[in-house]
PDB file of N, CA and C in Angstrom:
ATOM      1  N   UNK A   1     -71.621  34.879  21.689  1.00  0.00           N
ATOM      2  CA  UNK A   1     -71.874  34.950  23.165  1.00  0.00           C
ATOM      3  C   UNK A   1     -71.579  35.944  23.971  1.00  0.00           C
ATOM      4  N   UNK A   2     -72.326  36.559  24.730  1.00  0.00           N
ATOM      5  CA  UNK A   2     -72.175  37.656  25.617  1.00  0.00           C
ATOM      6  C   UNK A   2     -71.475  37.574  26.714  1.00  0.00           C
ATOM      7  N   UNK A   3     -70.227  38.595  27.015  1.00  0.00           N
ATOM      8  CA  UNK A   3     -69.459  38.325  28.277  1.00  0.00           C
ATOM      9  C   UNK A   3     -70.074  38.876  29.149  1.00  0.00           C
ATOM     10  N   UNK A   4     -69.888  38.202  30.365  1.00  0.00           N
ATOM     11  CA  UNK A   4     -70.535  38.418  31.539  1.00  0.00           C
ATOM     12  C   UNK A   4     -69.743  39.397  32.278  1.00  0.00           C
ATOM     13  N   UNK A   5     -70.976  40.194  32.990  1.00  0.00           N
ATOM     14  CA  UNK A   5     -70.416  41.448  33.849  1.00  0.00           C
ATOM     15  C   UNK A   5     -69.011  41.041  34.800  1.00  0.00           C
ATOM     16  N   UNK A   6     -68.162  41.978  34.920  1.00  0.00           N
ATOM     17  CA  UNK A   6     -67.113  41.465  35.828  1.00  0.00           C
ATOM     18  C   UNK A   6     -67.354  42.493  37.008  1.00  0.00           C
ATOM     19  N   UNK A   7     -66.526  42.109  38.043  1.00  0.00           N
ATOM     20  CA  UNK A   7     -66.656  43.008  39.064  1.00  0.00           C
ATOM     21  C   UNK A   7     -65.423  43.769  38.965  1.00  0.00           C
ATOM     22  N   UNK A   8     -65.301  44.863  39.835  1.00  0.00           N
ATOM     23  CA  UNK A   8     -64.165  46.072  39.542  1.00  0.00           C
ATOM     24  C   UNK A   8     -63.100  45.410  39.797  1.00  0.00           C
ATOM     25  N   UNK A   9     -62.609  44.275  40.705  1.00  0.00           N
ATOM     26  CA  UNK A   9     -61.406  43.834  40.705  1.00  0.00           C
ATOM     27  C   UNK A   9     -60.876  43.144  39.880  1.00  0.00           C
ATOM     28  N   UNK A  10     -61.815  42.094  38.835  1.00  0.00           N
ATOM     29  CA  UNK A  10     -61.698  41.627  37.656  1.00  0.00           C
ATOM     30  C   UNK A  10     -61.603  42.490  36.423  1.00  0.00           C
ATOM     31  N   UNK A  11     -62.089  43.525  36.527  1.00  0.00           N
ATOM     32  CA  UNK A  11     -62.142  44.851  35.462  1.00  0.00           C
ATOM     33  C   UNK A  11     -60.966  45.158  35.556  1.00  0.00           C
ATOM     34  N   UNK A  12     -60.019  45.517  36.702  1.00  0.00           N
ATOM     35  CA  UNK A  12     -58.948  46.035  36.671  1.00  0.00           C
ATOM     36  C   UNK A  12     -57.758  45.218  36.178  1.00  0.00           C
ATOM     37  N   UNK A  13     -58.136  43.601  36.775  1.00  0.00           N
ATOM     38  CA  UNK A  13     -57.007  42.809  36.015  1.00  0.00           C
ATOM     39  C   UNK A  13     -57.177  42.778  34.434  1.00  0.00           C
ATOM     40  N   UNK A  14     -58.556  42.524  33.933  1.00  0.00           N
ATOM     41  CA  UNK A  14     -58.477  42.816  32.428  1.00  0.00           C
ATOM     42  C   UNK A  14     -57.616  43.748  32.083  1.00  0.00           C
ATOM     43  N   UNK A  15     -58.001  45.159  32.313  1.00  0.00           N
ATOM     44  CA  UNK A  15     -57.672  46.002  31.839  1.00  0.00           C
ATOM     45  C   UNK A  15     -56.147  46.344  31.766  1.00  0.00           C
ATOM     46  N   UNK A  16     -55.388  45.582  33.036  1.00  0.00           N
ATOM     47  CA  UNK A  16     -53.934  45.382  33.148  1.00  0.00           C
ATOM     48  C   UNK A  16     -53.258  44.667  32.067  1.00  0.00           C
ATOM     49  N   UNK A  17     -53.879  43.457  32.020  1.00  0.00           N
ATOM     50  CA  UNK A  17     -53.543  42.506  31.277  1.00  0.00           C
ATOM     51  C   UNK A  17     -53.678  42.876  29.546  1.00  0.00           C
ATOM     52  N   UNK A  18     -54.592  43.716  29.367  1.00  0.00           N
ATOM     53  CA  UNK A  18     -54.883  44.132  28.020  1.00  0.00           C
ATOM     54  C   UNK A  18     -53.998  45.104  27.833  1.00  0.00           C
ATOM     55  N   UNK A  19     -53.438  46.041  28.546  1.00  0.00           N
ATOM     56  CA  UNK A  19     -52.467  47.197  28.201  1.00  0.00           C
ATOM     57  C   UNK A  19     -51.017  46.510  28.338  1.00  0.00           C
ATOM     58  N   UNK A  20     -50.705  45.417  29.055  1.00  0.00           N
ATOM     59  CA  UNK A  20     -49.453  45.173  28.764  1.00  0.00           C
ATOM     60  C   UNK A  20     -49.252  43.918  27.627  1.00  0.00           C
ATOM     61  N   UNK A  21     -50.174  43.214  27.193  1.00  0.00           N
ATOM     62  CA  UNK A  21     -50.494  42.382  26.212  1.00  0.00           C
ATOM     63  C   UNK A  21     -50.042  43.457  24.808  1.00  0.00           C
ATOM     64  N   UNK A  22     -50.671  44.464  24.883  1.00  0.00           N
ATOM     65  CA  UNK A  22     -50.616  45.765  23.597  1.00  0.00           C
ATOM     66  C   UNK A  22     -48.922  45.950  24.007  1.00  0.00           C
ATOM     67  N   UNK A  23     -48.536  46.529  24.945  1.00  0.00           N
ATOM     68  CA  UNK A  23     -47.268  46.841  24.759  1.00  0.00           C
ATOM     69  C   UNK A  23     -46.109  45.845  24.682  1.00  0.00           C
ATOM     70  N   UNK A  24     -46.383  44.580  24.988  1.00  0.00           N
ATOM     71  CA  UNK A  24     -45.642  43.592  24.467  1.00  0.00           C
ATOM     72  C   UNK A  24     -45.504  43.178  22.882  1.00  0.00           C
ATOM     73  N   UNK A  25     -46.855  43.492  22.270  1.00  0.00           N
ATOM     74  CA  UNK A  25     -46.988  43.401  20.845  1.00  0.00           C
ATOM     75  C   UNK A  25     -45.812  44.220  20.105  1.00  0.00           C
ATOM     76  N   UNK A  26     -45.870  45.507  20.674  1.00  0.00           N
ATOM     77  CA  UNK A  26     -45.239  46.744  20.407  1.00  0.00           C
ATOM     78  C   UNK A  26     -43.485  46.228  20.051  1.00  0.00           C
ATOM     79  N   UNK A  27     -43.096  45.057  20.856  1.00  0.00           N
ATOM     80  CA  UNK A  27     -41.833  44.963  20.993  1.00  0.00           C
ATOM     81  C   UNK A  27     -40.857  43.808  19.787  1.00  0.00           C
ATOM     82  N   UNK A  28     -42.266  43.119  19.492  1.00  0.00           N
ATOM     83  CA  UNK A  28     -41.803  42.078  18.593  1.00  0.00           C
ATOM     84  C   UNK A  28     -41.325  41.007  18.979  1.00  0.00           C
ATOM     85  N   UNK A  29     -42.120  40.688  20.113  1.00  0.00           N
ATOM     86  CA  UNK A  29     -41.494  39.005  21.209  1.00  0.00           C
ATOM     87  C   UNK A  29     -42.167  38.232  20.320  1.00  0.00           C
ATOM     88  N   UNK A  30     -41.203  37.164  20.430  1.00  0.00           N
ATOM     89  CA  UNK A  30     -41.588  35.542  20.074  1.00  0.00           C
ATOM     90  C   UNK A  30     -42.376  35.029  20.809  1.00  0.00           C
ATOM     91  N   UNK A  31     -42.797  35.473  22.537  1.00  0.00           N
ATOM     92  CA  UNK A  31     -43.740  34.922  23.249  1.00  0.00           C
ATOM     93  C   UNK A  31     -44.008  35.818  24.113  1.00  0.00           C
ATOM     94  N   UNK A  32     -45.517  35.699  24.852  1.00  0.00           N
ATOM     95  CA  UNK A  32     -45.595  36.532  25.569  1.00  0.00           C
ATOM     96  C   UNK A  32     -44.623  36.187  27.125  1.00  0.00           C
ATOM     97  N   UNK A  33     -44.550  37.419  27.894  1.00  0.00           N
ATOM     98  CA  UNK A  33     -43.395  37.514  29.147  1.00  0.00           C
ATOM     99  C   UNK A  33     -44.604  37.213  30.238  1.00  0.00           C
ATOM    100  N   UNK A  34     -45.088  36.224  30.726  1.00  0.00           N
ATOM    101  CA  UNK A  34     -45.785  35.861  31.611  1.00  0.00           C
ATOM    102  C   UNK A  34     -45.296  36.642  33.164  1.00  0.00           C
ATOM    103  N   UNK A  35     -44.049  36.871  33.297  1.00  0.00           N
ATOM    104  CA  UNK A  35     -44.124  37.579  34.333  1.00  0.00           C
ATOM    105  C   UNK A  35     -44.114  39.143  34.383  1.00  0.00           C
ATOM    106  N   UNK A  36     -44.022  39.624  33.400  1.00  0.00           N
ATOM    107  CA  UNK A  36     -44.246  41.068  32.897  1.00  0.00           C
ATOM    108  C   UNK A  36     -45.792  41.108  33.252  1.00  0.00           C
ATOM    109  N   UNK A  37     -46.732  40.187  32.774  1.00  0.00           N
ATOM    110  CA  UNK A  37     -47.995  40.232  32.770  1.00  0.00           C
ATOM    111  C   UNK A  37     -48.707  40.121  34.335  1.00  0.00           C
ATOM    112  N   UNK A  38     -47.678  39.375  35.238  1.00  0.00           N
ATOM    113  CA  UNK A  38     -48.124  39.417  36.490  1.00  0.00           C
ATOM    114  C   UNK A  38     -47.452  40.634  37.286  1.00  0.00           C
ATOM    115  N   UNK A  39     -46.722  40.977  36.820  1.00  0.00           N
ATOM    116  CA  UNK A  39     -46.077  42.499  37.272  1.00  0.00           C
ATOM    117  C   UNK A  39     -47.294  43.510  37.218  1.00  0.00           C
ATOM    118  N   UNK A  40     -47.583  43.650  36.038  1.00  0.00           N
ATOM    119  CA  UNK A  40     -48.589  44.428  35.733  1.00  0.00           C
ATOM    120  C   UNK A  40     -49.872  44.293  36.554  1.00  0.00           C
ATOM    121  N   UNK A  41     -50.128  42.893  36.678  1.00  0.00           N
ATOM    122  CA  UNK A  41     -51.730  42.829  37.224  1.00  0.00           C
ATOM    123  C   UNK A  41     -51.466  43.306  39.089  1.00  0.00           C
ATOM    124  N   UNK A  42     -50.041  42.838  39.474  1.00  0.00           N
ATOM    125  CA  UNK A  42     -49.633  43.152  40.474  1.00  0.00           C
ATOM    126  C   UNK A  42     -49.651  45.004  41.062  1.00  0.00           C
ATOM    127  N   UNK A  43     -49.035  45.675  40.168  1.00  0.00           N
ATOM    128  CA  UNK A  43     -49.268  47.114  40.297  1.00  0.00           C
ATOM    129  C   UNK A  43     -50.585  47.728  40.088  1.00  0.00           C
ATOM    130  N   UNK A  44     -51.544  47.040  39.096  1.00  0.00           N
ATOM    131  CA  UNK A  44     -52.976  47.294  39.015  1.00  0.00           C
ATOM    132  C   UNK A  44     -53.446  47.241  40.179  1.00  0.00           C
ATOM    133  N   UNK A  45     -53.190  46.257  41.070  1.00  0.00           N
ATOM    134  CA  UNK A  45     -54.047  45.878  42.142  1.00  0.00           C
ATOM    135  C   UNK A  45     -53.413  46.606  43.660  1.00  0.00           C
ATOM    136  N   UNK A  46     -52.325  47.180  43.515  1.00  0.00           N
ATOM    137  CA  UNK A  46     -51.657  48.101  44.460  1.00  0.00           C
ATOM    138  C   UNK A  46     -50.445  47.520  44.881  1.00  0.00           C
ATOM    139  N   UNK A  47     -49.674  46.629  44.253  1.00  0.00           N
ATOM    140  CA  UNK A  47     -48.504  46.182  44.569  1.00  0.00           C
ATOM    141  C   UNK A  47     -47.235  46.864  44.136  1.00  0.00           C
ATOM    142  N   UNK A  48     -46.083  46.612  44.353  1.00  0.00           N
ATOM    143  CA  UNK A  48     -45.228  47.343  43.745  1.00  0.00           C
ATOM    144  C   UNK A  48     -44.701  47.617  42.652  1.00  0.00           C
ATOM    145  N   UNK A  49     -45.425  46.301  41.770  1.00  0.00           N
ATOM    146  CA  UNK A  49     -45.240  46.648  40.097  1.00  0.00           C
ATOM    147  C   UNK A  49     -43.787  46.512  39.782  1.00  0.00           C
ATOM    148  N   UNK A  50     -42.818  45.967  40.802  1.00  0.00           N
ATOM    149  CA  UNK A  50     -41.314  46.009  40.329  1.00  0.00           C
ATOM    150  C   UNK A  50     -41.108  44.548  39.914  1.00  0.00           C
ATOM    151  N   UNK A  51     -40.431  44.360  38.578  1.00  0.00           N
ATOM    152  CA  UNK A  51     -40.008  43.124  38.342  1.00  0.00           C
ATOM    153  C   UNK A  51     -38.720  42.449  39.369  1.00  0.00           C
ATOM    154  N   UNK A  52     -38.920  41.237  38.940  1.00  0.00           N
ATOM    155  CA  UNK A  52     -38.088  40.596  39.791  1.00  0.00           C
ATOM    156  C   UNK A  52     -36.682  40.810  39.612  1.00  0.00           C
ATOM    157  N   UNK A  53     -35.859  40.962  40.644  1.00  0.00           N
ATOM    158  CA  UNK A  53     -34.244  41.322  40.485  1.00  0.00           C
ATOM    159  C   UNK A  53     -34.060  42.774  40.558  1.00  0.00           C
ATOM    160  N   UNK A  54     -35.180  43.621  40.502  1.00  0.00           N
ATOM    161  CA  UNK A  54     -34.984  45.209  40.374  1.00  0.00           C
ATOM    162  C   UNK A  54     -35.255  45.878  41.917  1.00  0.00           C
ATOM    163  N   UNK A  55     -34.444  46.777  41.955  1.00  0.00           N
ATOM    164  CA  UNK A  55     -34.405  47.293  43.563  1.00  0.00           C
ATOM    165  C   UNK A  55     -35.683  48.002  43.447  1.00  0.00           C
ATOM    166  N   UNK A  56     -36.250  48.035  44.862  1.00  0.00           N
ATOM    167  CA  UNK A  56     -37.566  48.986  45.099  1.00  0.00           C
ATOM    168  C   UNK A  56     -36.892  50.341  45.741  1.00  0.00           C
ATOM    169  N   UNK A  57     -37.322  51.297  45.062  1.00  0.00           N
ATOM    170  CA  UNK A  57     -37.059  52.643  45.783  1.00  0.00           C
ATOM    171  C   UNK A  57     -38.174  53.233  46.654  1.00  0.00           C
ATOM    172  N   UNK A  58     -37.899  53.244  47.741  1.00  0.00           N
ATOM    173  CA  UNK A  58     -39.094  53.617  48.694  1.00  0.00           C
ATOM    174  C   UNK A  58     -39.112  55.147  48.746  1.00  0.00           C
ATOM    175  N   UNK A  59     -38.326  55.853  48.204  1.00  0.00           N
ATOM    176  CA  UNK A  59     -38.345  57.498  48.217  1.00  0.00           C
ATOM    177  C   UNK A  59     -37.477  58.089  49.548  1.00  0.00           C
ATOM    178  N   UNK A  60     -37.370  57.256  50.374  1.00  0.00           N
ATOM    179  CA  UNK A  60     -36.393  57.575  51.335  1.00  0.00           C
ATOM    180  C   UNK A  60     -35.075  58.192  51.245  1.00  0.00           C
ATOM    181  N   UNK A  61     -34.541  59.419  51.609  1.00  0.00           N
ATOM    182  CA  UNK A  61     -33.235  59.824  51.798  1.00  0.00           C
ATOM    183  C   UNK A  61     -32.502  59.386  52.800  1.00  0.00           C
ATOM    184  N   UNK A  62     -31.075  58.894  52.810  1.00  0.00           N
ATOM    185  CA  UNK A  62     -30.244  58.801  53.815  1.00  0.00           C
ATOM    186  C   UNK A  62     -30.516  59.178  54.941  1.00  0.00           C
ATOM    187  N   UNK A  63     -30.798  60.477  55.147  1.00  0.00           N
ATOM    188  CA  UNK A  63     -31.157  61.384  56.201  1.00  0.00           C
ATOM    189  C   UNK A  63     -32.302  60.648  57.082  1.00  0.00           C
ATOM    190  N   UNK A  64     -33.484  60.509  56.258  1.00  0.00           N
ATOM    191  CA  UNK A  64     -34.818  59.975  56.660  1.00  0.00           C
ATOM    192  C   UNK A  64     -34.522  58.502  57.374  1.00  0.00           C
ATOM    193  N   UNK A  65     -33.700  57.745  56.595  1.00  0.00           N
ATOM    194  CA  UNK A  65     -33.321  56.608  56.912  1.00  0.00           C
ATOM    195  C   UNK A  65     -32.807  56.277  58.430  1.00  0.00           C
ATOM    196  N   UNK A  66     -32.084  57.406  58.601  1.00  0.00           N
ATOM    197  CA  UNK A  66     -31.369  57.441  59.643  1.00  0.00           C
ATOM    198  C   UNK A  66     -32.037  58.448  60.980  1.00  0.00           C
ATOM    199  N   UNK A  67     -33.185  58.861  60.801  1.00  0.00           N
ATOM    200  CA  UNK A  67     -33.825  59.712  61.752  1.00  0.00           C
ATOM    201  C   UNK A  67     -34.061  58.971  62.989  1.00  0.00           C
ATOM    202  N   UNK A  68     -34.443  57.653  63.214  1.00  0.00           N
ATOM    203  CA  UNK A  68     -34.477  57.564  64.271  1.00  0.00           C
ATOM    204  C   UNK A  68     -33.555  57.081  65.370  1.00  0.00           C
ATOM    205  N   UNK A  69     -32.134  57.205  64.627  1.00  0.00           N
ATOM    206  CA  UNK A  69     -30.832  57.274  65.372  1.00  0.00           C
ATOM    207  C   UNK A  69     -30.475  58.543  65.947  1.00  0.00           C
ATOM    208  N   UNK A  70     -30.918  59.749  65.623  1.00  0.00           N
ATOM    209  CA  UNK A  70     -30.526  61.099  65.987  1.00  0.00           C
ATOM    210  C   UNK A  70     -31.301  61.463  67.271  1.00  0.00           C
ATOM    211  N   UNK A  71     -30.441  62.183  67.988  1.00  0.00           N
ATOM    212  CA  UNK A  71     -30.766  62.139  68.985  1.00  0.00           C
ATOM    213  C   UNK A  71     -30.715  63.264  69.865  1.00  0.00           C
TER     214      UNK A  71
END
């Protein structure tokens, strides 16, 4: 059975899922981590790609965070 053509977004999702499943297969997990799959797809689609509970580093220094208060 031939596979239908995928649009660009679905191709990106397919590739992200494939990479994450390969990564998980290397760790001898007993089951697939669906949250990690969701995070991988999120990252591939331009999201933050951060696992739940992890902090998001926006790259700002304390001085940049307080720049609006300088006067």
